[in-house]
Amino acid sequence: MQFHVITLFPEVCEAYTSASVLGRAQKTDKGKGAKSRGKKLEVSYYNPRDFTTDKHRKADDKPYGGGPGMVMKAEPIIKAWEKAVGRKRDQKKVKTLIMSPRGRMFTQKLAKEYAKKYDHLVLISGRYEGIDARVKTALKAEEVSVGDYVLTGGELPALSIIDATARHIPGVLGEQDSLEDDRATTGEAYTRPEVIQFKKKKLKVPEVFLSGHHKEIEKRRSMK
């Protein structure tokens, strides 16, 4: 699967997607013979400033109708999108998302759907007072929100969607991690040492986790 991020700050996102699980999934495993494995995903970045025509590389302008702040221009974003996926023959395999607090709420169910249904996921990260509304119309994009709050830009939401969706791409997670894939979290968990000291208090691992009774352990972990 290929992720395409349209953003004014690609370096902000790239530091995250090149590390840990996402970073490994973008590399070819150079094992011998049958053990050699290809990339599981790719993440590419497109800066709208690179698709402007003026010497100042201006990607925003004042809003029609007045109001505070600036609005990101439509043409540089549309050109960036065309560079990313505009020539793909099967546009049904392309999904374009605009990061917006007004959009459809992103969920685990959507993450699974994106991973299964699409080969290309385009994530448009806005800044300032938003994006020219003609981008949504021209690209048949869907607005998506990662929570009922407002951020300074769409980069963090885009990264959240990439991370959550990538987990459902076969081979991205190891076998052991895949067993945890349908859980919201691992739940209550502990590791060594068995006892730690904090402010003259001894904090111990609950006995159930030391008992070896796996059903009771799972029951404890599933408690809210």
C-alpha atoms as a PDB file:
ATOM      1  CA  MET A   1       0.000   0.000   0.000  1.00  0.00           C
ATOM      2  CA  GLN A   2       1.174   3.517  -0.768  1.00  0.00           C
ATOM      3  CA  PHE A   3       0.480   6.554   1.400  1.00  0.00           C
ATOM      4  CA  HIS A   4       0.793  10.001  -0.170  1.00  0.00           C
ATOM      5  CA  VAL A   5       0.924  12.974   2.211  1.00  0.00           C
ATOM      6  CA  ILE A   6       0.371  16.489   0.888  1.00  0.00           C
ATOM      7  CA  THR A   7       1.779  18.875   3.477  1.00  0.00           C
ATOM      8  CA  LEU A   8       3.713  22.127   3.857  1.00  0.00           C
ATOM      9  CA  PHE A   9       5.877  20.412   6.483  1.00  0.00           C
ATOM     10  CA  PRO A  10       6.983  16.999   5.152  1.00  0.00           C
ATOM     11  CA  GLU A  11       9.962  16.904   7.515  1.00  0.00           C
ATOM     12  CA  VAL A  12       7.585  16.868  10.500  1.00  0.00           C
ATOM     13  CA  CYS A  13       5.923  13.674   9.265  1.00  0.00           C
ATOM     14  CA  GLU A  14       8.949  11.951   7.764  1.00  0.00           C
ATOM     15  CA  ALA A  15      10.746  11.714  11.095  1.00  0.00           C
ATOM     16  CA  TYR A  16       7.893   9.582  12.411  1.00  0.00           C
ATOM     17  CA  THR A  17       7.173   7.386   9.389  1.00  0.00           C
ATOM     18  CA  SER A  18      10.846   6.499   8.907  1.00  0.00           C
ATOM     19  CA  ALA A  19      11.150   5.070  12.436  1.00  0.00           C
ATOM     20  CA  SER A  20      10.107   1.873  14.217  1.00  0.00           C
ATOM     21  CA  VAL A  21       7.454  -0.392  12.656  1.00  0.00           C
ATOM     22  CA  LEU A  22       6.593   1.974   9.792  1.00  0.00           C
ATOM     23  CA  GLY A  23      10.261   2.459   8.953  1.00  0.00           C
ATOM     24  CA  ARG A  24      10.924  -1.295   8.827  1.00  0.00           C
ATOM     25  CA  ALA A  25       7.851  -1.906   6.669  1.00  0.00           C
ATOM     26  CA  GLN A  26       9.251   0.449   4.020  1.00  0.00           C
ATOM     27  CA  LYS A  27      12.501  -1.486   3.699  1.00  0.00           C
ATOM     28  CA  THR A  28      13.232  -4.596   1.672  1.00  0.00           C
ATOM     29  CA  ASP A  29      14.252  -7.557   3.798  1.00  0.00           C
ATOM     30  CA  LYS A  30      17.415  -8.850   2.123  1.00  0.00           C
ATOM     31  CA  GLY A  31      17.131 -12.384   3.377  1.00  0.00           C
ATOM     32  CA  LYS A  32      18.459 -15.293   1.341  1.00  0.00           C
ATOM     33  CA  GLY A  33      16.252 -17.125  -1.120  1.00  0.00           C
ATOM     34  CA  ALA A  34      12.645 -17.522  -0.002  1.00  0.00           C
ATOM     35  CA  LYS A  35      13.328 -15.412   3.081  1.00  0.00           C
ATOM     36  CA  SER A  36      13.742 -12.263   1.021  1.00  0.00           C
ATOM     37  CA  ARG A  37      10.724  -9.988   1.428  1.00  0.00           C
ATOM     38  CA  GLY A  38       9.668  -6.825  -0.344  1.00  0.00           C
ATOM     39  CA  LYS A  39       8.368  -3.574   1.064  1.00  0.00           C
ATOM     40  CA  LYS A  40       5.006  -3.715   2.800  1.00  0.00           C
ATOM     41  CA  LEU A  41       4.222  -0.045   2.325  1.00  0.00           C
ATOM     42  CA  GLU A  42       5.573   3.241   0.981  1.00  0.00           C
ATOM     43  CA  VAL A  43       5.093   6.767   2.293  1.00  0.00           C
ATOM     44  CA  SER A  44       5.700   9.707  -0.058  1.00  0.00           C
ATOM     45  CA  TYR A  45       5.478  13.446   0.592  1.00  0.00           C
ATOM     46  CA  TYR A  46       4.425  16.333  -1.626  1.00  0.00           C
ATOM     47  CA  ASN A  47       4.888  19.959  -0.628  1.00  0.00           C
ATOM     48  CA  PRO A  48       2.337  22.289  -2.296  1.00  0.00           C
ATOM     49  CA  ARG A  49       5.036  24.986  -2.479  1.00  0.00           C
ATOM     50  CA  ASP A  50       6.824  22.819  -5.046  1.00  0.00           C
ATOM     51  CA  PHE A  51       3.797  23.145  -7.331  1.00  0.00           C
ATOM     52  CA  THR A  52       3.470  26.931  -7.277  1.00  0.00           C
ATOM     53  CA  THR A  53       4.469  29.240 -10.125  1.00  0.00           C
ATOM     54  CA  ASP A  54       5.492  32.489  -8.379  1.00  0.00           C
ATOM     55  CA  LYS A  55       8.995  33.222  -7.151  1.00  0.00           C
ATOM     56  CA  HIS A  56       7.883  33.312  -3.522  1.00  0.00           C
ATOM     57  CA  ARG A  57       6.352  29.812  -3.762  1.00  0.00           C
ATOM     58  CA  LYS A  58       3.161  31.091  -2.169  1.00  0.00           C
ATOM     59  CA  ALA A  59       0.732  28.303  -1.268  1.00  0.00           C
ATOM     60  CA  ASP A  60      -1.836  30.400   0.619  1.00  0.00           C
ATOM     61  CA  ASP A  61      -3.808  33.622   0.188  1.00  0.00           C
ATOM     62  CA  LYS A  62      -6.446  35.815   1.834  1.00  0.00           C
ATOM     63  CA  PRO A  63      -9.976  34.354   1.932  1.00  0.00           C
ATOM     64  CA  TYR A  64     -12.713  35.707  -0.329  1.00  0.00           C
ATOM     65  CA  GLY A  65     -15.425  37.332   1.737  1.00  0.00           C
ATOM     66  CA  GLY A  66     -12.969  38.507   4.364  1.00  0.00           C
ATOM     67  CA  GLY A  67     -12.090  36.974   7.691  1.00  0.00           C
ATOM     68  CA  PRO A  68      -8.935  36.263   9.688  1.00  0.00           C
ATOM     69  CA  GLY A  69      -5.950  34.245   8.577  1.00  0.00           C
ATOM     70  CA  MET A  70      -5.022  32.694   5.271  1.00  0.00           C
ATOM     71  CA  VAL A  71      -6.422  29.838   3.196  1.00  0.00           C
ATOM     72  CA  MET A  72      -4.347  27.220   1.369  1.00  0.00           C
ATOM     73  CA  LYS A  73      -4.702  27.603  -2.398  1.00  0.00           C
ATOM     74  CA  ALA A  74      -6.422  24.919  -4.457  1.00  0.00           C
ATOM     75  CA  GLU A  75      -4.156  24.684  -7.496  1.00  0.00           C
ATOM     76  CA  PRO A  76      -0.885  23.671  -5.775  1.00  0.00           C
ATOM     77  CA  ILE A  77      -2.719  20.959  -3.820  1.00  0.00           C
ATOM     78  CA  ILE A  78      -4.475  19.628  -6.906  1.00  0.00           C
ATOM     79  CA  LYS A  79      -1.184  19.563  -8.826  1.00  0.00           C
ATOM     80  CA  ALA A  80       0.470  17.708  -5.938  1.00  0.00           C
ATOM     81  CA  TRP A  81      -2.366  15.175  -6.014  1.00  0.00           C
ATOM     82  CA  GLU A  82      -1.942  14.716  -9.764  1.00  0.00           C
ATOM     83  CA  LYS A  83       1.765  14.090  -9.228  1.00  0.00           C
ATOM     84  CA  ALA A  84       0.966  11.453  -6.627  1.00  0.00           C
ATOM     85  CA  VAL A  85      -1.908   9.473  -8.121  1.00  0.00           C
ATOM     86  CA  GLY A  86      -3.498  11.441 -10.939  1.00  0.00           C
ATOM     87  CA  ARG A  87      -2.354   8.983 -13.613  1.00  0.00           C
ATOM     88  CA  LYS A  88      -3.380   5.797 -11.828  1.00  0.00           C
ATOM     89  CA  ARG A  89      -5.595   3.786 -14.140  1.00  0.00           C
ATOM     90  CA  ASP A  90      -7.790   2.337 -11.430  1.00  0.00           C
ATOM     91  CA  GLN A  91      -8.993   5.358  -9.461  1.00  0.00           C
ATOM     92  CA  LYS A  92     -11.283   3.054  -7.469  1.00  0.00           C
ATOM     93  CA  LYS A  93      -8.156   1.930  -5.643  1.00  0.00           C
ATOM     94  CA  VAL A  94      -7.342   5.527  -4.669  1.00  0.00           C
ATOM     95  CA  LYS A  95      -8.859   7.180  -1.582  1.00  0.00           C
ATOM     96  CA  THR A  96      -8.310  10.887  -0.929  1.00  0.00           C
ATOM     97  CA  LEU A  97      -8.777  12.290   2.565  1.00  0.00           C
ATOM     98  CA  ILE A  98      -8.715  15.862   3.851  1.00  0.00           C
ATOM     99  CA  MET A  99      -7.793  16.246   7.506  1.00  0.00           C
ATOM    100  CA  SER A 100     -10.576  18.304   9.111  1.00  0.00           C
ATOM    101  CA  PRO A 101     -12.152  18.563  12.597  1.00  0.00           C
ATOM    102  CA  ARG A 102     -15.522  18.783  10.806  1.00  0.00           C
ATOM    103  CA  GLY A 103     -15.061  15.490   8.988  1.00  0.00           C
ATOM    104  CA  ARG A 104     -16.197  11.921   9.497  1.00  0.00           C
ATOM    105  CA  MET A 105     -14.728  10.403  12.632  1.00  0.00           C
ATOM    106  CA  PHE A 106     -11.809   8.076  11.919  1.00  0.00           C
ATOM    107  CA  THR A 107     -12.172   4.670  13.599  1.00  0.00           C
ATOM    108  CA  GLN A 108     -10.507   1.276  13.766  1.00  0.00           C
ATOM    109  CA  LYS A 109     -13.190   0.024  11.388  1.00  0.00           C
ATOM    110  CA  LEU A 110     -12.207   2.658   8.817  1.00  0.00           C
ATOM    111  CA  ALA A 111      -8.525   1.783   9.216  1.00  0.00           C
ATOM    112  CA  LYS A 112      -9.289  -1.840   8.334  1.00  0.00           C
ATOM    113  CA  GLU A 113     -11.442  -0.737   5.397  1.00  0.00           C
ATOM    114  CA  TYR A 114      -8.725   1.508   3.966  1.00  0.00           C
ATOM    115  CA  ALA A 115      -6.102  -1.247   4.208  1.00  0.00           C
ATOM    116  CA  LYS A 116      -8.336  -3.807   2.531  1.00  0.00           C
ATOM    117  CA  LYS A 117     -10.010  -1.705  -0.139  1.00  0.00           C
ATOM    118  CA  TYR A 118      -7.366   0.745  -1.415  1.00  0.00           C
ATOM    119  CA  ASP A 119      -3.859   0.627  -2.878  1.00  0.00           C
ATOM    120  CA  HIS A 120      -3.273   4.378  -2.529  1.00  0.00           C
ATOM    121  CA  LEU A 121      -4.292   6.630   0.348  1.00  0.00           C
ATOM    122  CA  VAL A 122      -3.806  10.368  -0.181  1.00  0.00           C
ATOM    123  CA  LEU A 123      -3.848  12.494   2.977  1.00  0.00           C
ATOM    124  CA  ILE A 124      -4.148  16.260   2.561  1.00  0.00           C
ATOM    125  CA  SER A 125      -2.923  18.168   5.600  1.00  0.00           C
ATOM    126  CA  GLY A 126      -4.261  21.688   5.878  1.00  0.00           C
ATOM    127  CA  ARG A 127      -2.819  24.673   7.746  1.00  0.00           C
ATOM    128  CA  TYR A 128      -3.874  28.190   8.664  1.00  0.00           C
ATOM    129  CA  GLU A 129      -7.645  28.744   8.217  1.00  0.00           C
ATOM    130  CA  GLY A 130      -8.106  25.673   6.055  1.00  0.00           C
ATOM    131  CA  ILE A 131      -8.087  24.603   2.416  1.00  0.00           C
ATOM    132  CA  ASP A 132      -9.896  26.097  -0.573  1.00  0.00           C
ATOM    133  CA  ALA A 133     -13.161  24.120  -0.717  1.00  0.00           C
ATOM    134  CA  ARG A 134     -12.703  23.439  -4.432  1.00  0.00           C
ATOM    135  CA  VAL A 135     -10.037  20.856  -3.564  1.00  0.00           C
ATOM    136  CA  LYS A 136     -12.692  18.621  -2.007  1.00  0.00           C
ATOM    137  CA  THR A 137     -14.949  19.021  -5.034  1.00  0.00           C
ATOM    138  CA  ALA A 138     -12.257  18.511  -7.679  1.00  0.00           C
ATOM    139  CA  LEU A 139     -10.653  15.466  -6.059  1.00  0.00           C
ATOM    140  CA  LYS A 140     -13.870  13.934  -4.678  1.00  0.00           C
ATOM    141  CA  ALA A 141     -12.119  13.894  -1.328  1.00  0.00           C
ATOM    142  CA  GLU A 142     -13.610  12.993   2.022  1.00  0.00           C
ATOM    143  CA  GLU A 143     -13.060  15.048   5.164  1.00  0.00           C
ATOM    144  CA  VAL A 144     -11.896  12.955   8.118  1.00  0.00           C
ATOM    145  CA  SER A 145     -11.413  13.873  11.782  1.00  0.00           C
ATOM    146  CA  VAL A 146      -9.350  12.062  14.410  1.00  0.00           C
ATOM    147  CA  GLY A 147     -11.099  13.712  17.349  1.00  0.00           C
ATOM    148  CA  ASP A 148     -13.370  16.443  18.628  1.00  0.00           C
ATOM    149  CA  TYR A 149     -10.643  19.069  18.897  1.00  0.00           C
ATOM    150  CA  VAL A 150      -8.698  21.473  16.673  1.00  0.00           C
ATOM    151  CA  LEU A 151      -4.961  21.248  15.924  1.00  0.00           C
ATOM    152  CA  THR A 152      -2.653  23.742  14.248  1.00  0.00           C
ATOM    153  CA  GLY A 153      -2.310  21.499  11.211  1.00  0.00           C
ATOM    154  CA  GLY A 154      -3.308  18.200   9.657  1.00  0.00           C
ATOM    155  CA  GLU A 155       0.052  16.477  10.032  1.00  0.00           C
ATOM    156  CA  LEU A 156      -0.680  14.698  13.329  1.00  0.00           C
ATOM    157  CA  PRO A 157      -4.067  13.394  12.116  1.00  0.00           C
ATOM    158  CA  ALA A 158      -2.426  12.167   8.899  1.00  0.00           C
ATOM    159  CA  LEU A 159       0.217  10.301  10.872  1.00  0.00           C
ATOM    160  CA  SER A 160      -2.446   8.747  13.090  1.00  0.00           C
ATOM    161  CA  ILE A 161      -4.337   7.451  10.075  1.00  0.00           C
ATOM    162  CA  ILE A 162      -1.163   6.076   8.461  1.00  0.00           C
ATOM    163  CA  ASP A 163      -0.139   4.312  11.664  1.00  0.00           C
ATOM    164  CA  ALA A 164      -3.570   2.811  12.359  1.00  0.00           C
ATOM    165  CA  THR A 165      -4.098   1.705   8.748  1.00  0.00           C
ATOM    166  CA  ALA A 166      -0.610   0.255   8.304  1.00  0.00           C
ATOM    167  CA  ARG A 167      -1.203  -2.175  11.174  1.00  0.00           C
ATOM    168  CA  HIS A 168      -3.785  -3.947   9.015  1.00  0.00           C
ATOM    169  CA  ILE A 169      -1.505  -4.445   6.032  1.00  0.00           C
ATOM    170  CA  PRO A 170      -0.341  -8.076   5.962  1.00  0.00           C
ATOM    171  CA  GLY A 171       3.262  -8.457   7.075  1.00  0.00           C
ATOM    172  CA  VAL A 172       3.661  -5.031   8.693  1.00  0.00           C
ATOM    173  CA  LEU A 173       3.343  -6.439  12.201  1.00  0.00           C
ATOM    174  CA  GLY A 174       5.158  -9.511  13.465  1.00  0.00           C
ATOM    175  CA  GLU A 175       3.142 -12.620  14.270  1.00  0.00           C
ATOM    176  CA  GLN A 176       3.070 -11.962  18.011  1.00  0.00           C
ATOM    177  CA  ASP A 177       1.956  -8.360  17.542  1.00  0.00           C
ATOM    178  CA  SER A 178      -0.684  -9.494  15.081  1.00  0.00           C
ATOM    179  CA  LEU A 179      -2.330 -11.521  17.836  1.00  0.00           C
ATOM    180  CA  GLU A 180      -2.973  -8.231  19.624  1.00  0.00           C
ATOM    181  CA  ASP A 181      -4.321  -6.536  16.519  1.00  0.00           C
ATOM    182  CA  ASP A 182      -8.018  -6.744  17.406  1.00  0.00           C
ATOM    183  CA  ARG A 183      -7.552  -5.418  20.913  1.00  0.00           C
ATOM    184  CA  ALA A 184      -7.959  -1.746  21.674  1.00  0.00           C
ATOM    185  CA  THR A 185      -4.968  -2.014  24.025  1.00  0.00           C
ATOM    186  CA  THR A 186      -3.082  -4.778  25.793  1.00  0.00           C
ATOM    187  CA  GLY A 187      -4.712  -3.663  29.048  1.00  0.00           C
ATOM    188  CA  GLU A 188      -3.155  -3.725  32.493  1.00  0.00           C
ATOM    189  CA  ALA A 189       0.442  -4.952  32.207  1.00  0.00           C
ATOM    190  CA  TYR A 190       3.592  -5.281  34.326  1.00  0.00           C
ATOM    191  CA  THR A 191       7.221  -6.289  33.885  1.00  0.00           C
ATOM    192  CA  ARG A 192      10.316  -6.793  36.055  1.00  0.00           C
ATOM    193  CA  PRO A 193      11.191  -6.043  38.800  1.00  0.00           C
ATOM    194  CA  GLU A 194       8.392  -7.549  40.854  1.00  0.00           C
ATOM    195  CA  VAL A 195       8.614  -4.727  43.420  1.00  0.00           C
ATOM    196  CA  ILE A 196       9.553  -1.069  42.897  1.00  0.00           C
ATOM    197  CA  GLN A 197      10.036   1.661  45.502  1.00  0.00           C
ATOM    198  CA  PHE A 198       8.424   5.104  45.144  1.00  0.00           C
ATOM    199  CA  LYS A 199       8.141   7.712  47.921  1.00  0.00           C
ATOM    200  CA  LYS A 200       8.706   5.140  50.655  1.00  0.00           C
ATOM    201  CA  LYS A 201       5.998   2.920  49.218  1.00  0.00           C
ATOM    202  CA  LYS A 202       6.451  -0.536  47.723  1.00  0.00           C
ATOM    203  CA  LEU A 203       4.536  -1.037  44.499  1.00  0.00           C
ATOM    204  CA  LYS A 204       4.086  -4.735  43.797  1.00  0.00           C
ATOM    205  CA  VAL A 205       2.911  -6.702  40.795  1.00  0.00           C
ATOM    206  CA  PRO A 206      -0.584  -8.094  41.623  1.00  0.00           C
ATOM    207  CA  GLU A 207      -0.511 -11.758  42.588  1.00  0.00           C
ATOM    208  CA  VAL A 208      -2.776 -12.805  39.727  1.00  0.00           C
ATOM    209  CA  PHE A 209      -0.056 -11.892  37.230  1.00  0.00           C
ATOM    210  CA  LEU A 210       2.395 -14.156  39.030  1.00  0.00           C
ATOM    211  CA  SER A 211      -0.038 -17.052  39.392  1.00  0.00           C
ATOM    212  CA  GLY A 212       0.280 -18.578  35.931  1.00  0.00           C
ATOM    213  CA  HIS A 213      -3.534 -18.771  35.620  1.00  0.00           C
ATOM    214  CA  HIS A 214      -3.925 -17.358  32.121  1.00  0.00           C
ATOM    215  CA  LYS A 215      -7.716 -17.139  32.184  1.00  0.00           C
ATOM    216  CA  GLU A 216      -7.628 -15.079  35.356  1.00  0.00           C
ATOM    217  CA  ILE A 217      -4.867 -12.890  33.913  1.00  0.00           C
ATOM    218  CA  GLU A 218      -6.886 -12.223  30.758  1.00  0.00           C
ATOM    219  CA  LYS A 219      -9.938 -11.461  32.885  1.00  0.00           C
ATOM    220  CA  ARG A 220      -7.939  -8.906  34.901  1.00  0.00           C
ATOM    221  CA  ARG A 221      -6.513  -7.333  31.750  1.00  0.00           C
ATOM    222  CA  SER A 222      -9.944  -6.913  30.200  1.00  0.00           C
ATOM    223  CA  MET A 223     -11.262  -4.980  33.197  1.00  0.00           C
ATOM    224  CA  LYS A 224     -11.780  -1.232  32.653  1.00  0.00           C
END
